[in-house]
């Protein structure tokens, strides 16, 4: 029986600790790994990116779309807001599917910069 985990955890386990194939050891090792500050910081950064970042990206997406859609102003705002409701959960899912917490923050920040730049370049609606 082997412990489950990511490839990196397995590499570290085999490099520094003689593998013990016992179910109790696997459970204790998993619990110990989740008690560390790195695990908590990982979850905290992803949660921050998935909540505050998703809100910001959705707001910037709505603003950029409302300024660039070639329809009447009221219709553009309505369509942009409906699309922003789809953007927010997509950003949250991205934040938790990224390979690491810094990649999650970088992805959210880059998408916010891109959408902010598009909204700024579009200028005021006519």
Protein backbone atom coordinates (compact mmCIF):
# COMPACT_ATOMS: atom_id res chain seq x y z
CA UNK A 1 0.00 0.00 0.00
CA UNK A 2 1.37 3.39 -0.94
CA UNK A 3 0.51 6.90 0.20
CA UNK A 4 -1.47 9.01 -2.20
CA UNK A 5 -0.30 12.49 -3.07
CA UNK A 6 1.21 14.59 -5.79
CA UNK A 7 4.33 13.59 -7.63
CA UNK A 8 6.37 16.21 -5.78
CA UNK A 9 5.26 14.82 -2.41
CA UNK A 10 6.25 11.35 -3.54
CA UNK A 11 9.66 12.60 -4.67
CA UNK A 12 10.27 14.29 -1.33
CA UNK A 13 9.02 11.26 0.54
CA UNK A 14 11.31 8.86 -1.29
CA UNK A 15 14.27 11.24 -1.17
CA UNK A 16 14.29 12.02 2.55
CA UNK A 17 12.21 9.38 4.31
CA UNK A 18 12.36 5.67 3.90
CA UNK A 19 8.91 4.79 2.58
CA UNK A 20 6.77 2.92 5.06
CA UNK A 21 3.81 1.26 3.41
CA UNK A 22 1.25 1.34 6.13
CA UNK A 23 -2.22 2.88 6.07
CA UNK A 24 -1.85 4.63 9.45
CA UNK A 25 1.41 6.25 8.35
CA UNK A 26 -0.24 7.58 5.18
CA UNK A 27 -3.12 9.14 7.13
CA UNK A 28 -0.81 10.71 9.72
CA UNK A 29 1.49 12.06 7.02
CA UNK A 30 -1.45 13.60 5.13
CA UNK A 31 -2.83 15.23 8.28
CA UNK A 32 0.61 16.56 9.20
CA UNK A 33 1.05 18.04 5.71
CA UNK A 34 -2.26 19.91 6.03
CA UNK A 35 -1.39 21.40 9.40
CA UNK A 36 1.56 23.38 8.08
CA UNK A 37 1.56 27.09 7.38
CA UNK A 38 2.33 26.53 3.68
CA UNK A 39 -0.88 24.61 3.16
CA UNK A 40 -2.87 27.30 4.96
CA UNK A 41 -1.19 30.08 2.98
CA UNK A 42 -1.88 28.17 -0.25
CA UNK A 43 -5.58 27.93 0.55
CA UNK A 44 -5.72 31.54 1.75
CA UNK A 45 -4.13 32.93 -1.43
CA UNK A 46 -6.38 30.84 -3.65
CA UNK A 47 -9.43 31.94 -1.69
CA UNK A 48 -8.39 35.57 -2.00
CA UNK A 49 -7.86 35.17 -5.75
CA UNK A 50 -11.12 33.29 -6.13
CA UNK A 51 -13.27 35.81 -4.26
CA UNK A 52 -11.84 39.31 -4.44
CA UNK A 53 -10.05 38.64 -7.72
CA UNK A 54 -13.14 37.12 -9.32
CA UNK A 55 -15.22 40.12 -8.28
CA UNK A 56 -12.68 42.53 -9.75
CA UNK A 57 -12.26 40.61 -13.00
CA UNK A 58 -16.02 40.28 -13.42
CA UNK A 59 -16.50 44.02 -12.85
CA UNK A 60 -13.73 44.87 -15.32
CA UNK A 61 -15.14 42.41 -17.86
CA UNK A 62 -18.56 44.02 -17.56
CA UNK A 63 -17.08 47.49 -17.98
CA UNK A 64 -14.92 46.49 -20.96
CA UNK A 65 -17.76 44.67 -22.68
CA UNK A 66 -20.26 47.43 -22.03
CA UNK A 67 -17.94 49.92 -23.73
CA UNK A 68 -17.02 47.75 -26.70
CA UNK A 69 -20.26 45.99 -27.68
CA UNK A 70 -21.78 47.52 -30.84
CA UNK A 71 -25.35 47.80 -29.56
CA UNK A 72 -27.37 50.42 -27.73
CA UNK A 73 -26.01 51.49 -24.34
CA UNK A 74 -28.73 49.82 -22.24
CA UNK A 75 -28.46 46.57 -24.16
CA UNK A 76 -24.66 46.62 -23.98
CA UNK A 77 -24.73 47.02 -20.19
CA UNK A 78 -27.29 44.24 -19.82
CA UNK A 79 -25.38 41.83 -22.04
CA UNK A 80 -22.07 42.70 -20.38
CA UNK A 81 -23.51 42.14 -16.91
CA UNK A 82 -24.93 38.75 -17.88
CA UNK A 83 -21.57 37.70 -19.31
CA UNK A 84 -19.83 38.95 -16.15
CA UNK A 85 -21.99 36.55 -14.15
CA UNK A 86 -20.30 33.76 -16.10
CA UNK A 87 -16.81 35.23 -15.76
CA UNK A 88 -16.82 35.33 -11.94
CA UNK A 89 -17.23 31.56 -11.38
CA UNK A 90 -14.75 30.85 -14.19
CA UNK A 91 -12.12 32.95 -12.40
CA UNK A 92 -12.88 31.22 -9.10
CA UNK A 93 -12.52 27.80 -10.71
CA UNK A 94 -9.25 28.93 -12.31
CA UNK A 95 -7.92 30.09 -8.94
CA UNK A 96 -8.37 26.63 -7.47
CA UNK A 97 -7.26 24.67 -10.55
CA UNK A 98 -4.00 26.55 -11.10
CA UNK A 99 -0.81 24.65 -10.35
CA UNK A 100 0.14 26.95 -7.49
CA UNK A 101 -1.21 29.90 -5.54
CA UNK A 102 1.13 32.37 -7.21
CA UNK A 103 0.03 31.21 -10.65
CA UNK A 104 -3.56 31.66 -9.55
CA UNK A 105 -2.87 35.23 -8.42
CA UNK A 106 -0.86 35.95 -11.56
CA UNK A 107 -3.62 34.66 -13.81
CA UNK A 108 -6.25 36.75 -12.05
CA UNK A 109 -4.03 39.85 -12.06
CA UNK A 110 -3.14 39.51 -15.74
CA UNK A 111 -6.75 39.04 -16.77
CA UNK A 112 -7.71 42.08 -14.67
CA UNK A 113 -4.96 44.16 -16.30
CA UNK A 114 -6.00 43.01 -19.76
CA UNK A 115 -9.69 43.79 -19.20
CA UNK A 116 -8.89 47.07 -17.50
CA UNK A 117 -6.70 48.07 -20.42
CA UNK A 118 -9.42 47.17 -22.92
CA UNK A 119 -11.97 49.19 -20.97
CA UNK A 120 -9.62 52.15 -20.69
CA UNK A 121 -8.68 52.05 -24.39
CA UNK A 122 -12.34 51.91 -25.41
CA UNK A 123 -12.97 55.26 -23.70
CA UNK A 124 -16.35 56.73 -22.87
CA UNK A 125 -19.33 55.31 -24.75
CA UNK A 126 -20.84 57.63 -27.32
